[in-house]
Amino acid sequence: MDVLYRLHFATAWRLRQLLRPLVADRGDSPVPSAIIIAGLAIIAIGVLAWLVTYVEGFMDDAPTDLPDGPEGG
């Protein structure tokens, strides 16, 4: 029971620290974060487009004539 009390107290104390108005506004503004996320999305789309082009080229170069399978008999 003592463990549950300590866990409850630690959680409540941490929430109180995080929700305090003086401490609530810390870190970067959301604008640079949004720019970073948009940049990462653009890079991911570029990598995906390159990968699709690479795989399509690889598949075009693959041989199309298949070997004969085992003769059933």
Protein backbone atom coordinates (compact mmCIF):
# COMPACT_ATOMS: atom_id res chain seq x y z
CA MET A 1 0.00 0.00 0.00
CA ASP A 2 2.93 2.27 0.72
CA VAL A 3 4.13 1.86 -2.87
CA LEU A 4 0.76 2.95 -4.25
CA TYR A 5 0.74 5.99 -1.96
CA ARG A 6 4.23 7.00 -3.09
CA LEU A 7 3.34 6.47 -6.75
CA HIS A 8 0.17 8.55 -6.38
CA PHE A 9 2.05 11.33 -4.58
CA ALA A 10 4.89 11.39 -7.14
CA THR A 11 2.44 11.48 -10.05
CA ALA A 12 0.37 14.25 -8.48
CA TRP A 13 3.50 16.26 -7.66
CA ARG A 14 4.84 15.94 -11.20
CA LEU A 15 1.51 16.94 -12.73
CA ARG A 16 1.38 19.97 -10.45
CA GLN A 17 4.86 20.98 -11.61
CA LEU A 18 3.99 20.55 -15.27
CA LEU A 19 0.70 22.41 -15.08
CA ARG A 20 2.06 25.40 -13.18
CA PRO A 21 1.70 28.56 -15.31
CA LEU A 22 5.32 29.64 -14.83
CA VAL A 23 6.68 26.33 -16.02
CA ALA A 24 4.02 25.53 -18.61
CA ASP A 25 5.53 27.75 -21.32
CA ARG A 26 8.94 26.26 -21.88
CA GLY A 27 10.62 25.07 -25.01
CA ASP A 28 10.23 26.14 -28.59
CA SER A 29 7.21 27.68 -30.17
CA PRO A 30 5.16 25.37 -32.40
CA VAL A 31 6.16 27.17 -35.61
CA PRO A 32 9.74 25.83 -35.87
CA SER A 33 8.48 22.38 -34.94
CA ALA A 34 5.90 22.56 -37.73
CA ILE A 35 8.58 23.63 -40.20
CA ILE A 36 10.80 20.72 -39.16
CA ILE A 37 7.91 18.26 -39.52
CA ALA A 38 7.02 19.66 -42.96
CA GLY A 39 10.66 19.39 -44.02
CA LEU A 40 10.86 15.79 -42.84
CA ALA A 41 7.66 14.98 -44.72
CA ILE A 42 9.05 16.50 -47.93
CA ILE A 43 12.28 14.53 -47.53
CA ALA A 44 10.30 11.34 -46.90
CA ILE A 45 8.24 11.91 -50.05
CA GLY A 46 11.44 12.48 -52.03
CA VAL A 47 13.03 9.30 -50.69
CA LEU A 48 9.85 7.35 -51.44
CA ALA A 49 9.73 8.69 -55.01
CA TRP A 50 13.40 7.78 -55.52
CA LEU A 51 12.79 4.30 -54.10
CA VAL A 52 9.80 3.69 -56.38
CA THR A 53 11.83 4.80 -59.41
CA TYR A 54 14.74 2.57 -58.38
CA VAL A 55 12.54 -0.48 -57.83
CA GLU A 56 10.68 0.04 -61.11
CA GLY A 57 14.01 0.24 -62.95
CA PHE A 58 15.17 -2.92 -61.19
CA MET A 59 11.97 -4.73 -62.15
CA ASP A 60 12.27 -3.57 -65.77
CA ASP A 61 15.80 -5.00 -65.93
CA ALA A 62 14.74 -8.35 -64.47
CA PRO A 63 14.56 -11.23 -66.94
CA THR A 64 11.07 -11.98 -68.19
CA ASP A 65 11.65 -15.47 -69.55
CA LEU A 66 10.98 -17.98 -66.83
CA PRO A 67 12.72 -21.35 -66.75
CA ASP A 68 10.67 -24.40 -67.53
CA GLY A 69 9.26 -26.07 -64.48
CA PRO A 70 9.72 -29.72 -63.69
CA GLU A 71 8.06 -31.98 -66.20
CA GLY A 72 5.10 -33.69 -64.57
CA GLY A 73 4.96 -37.34 -65.27
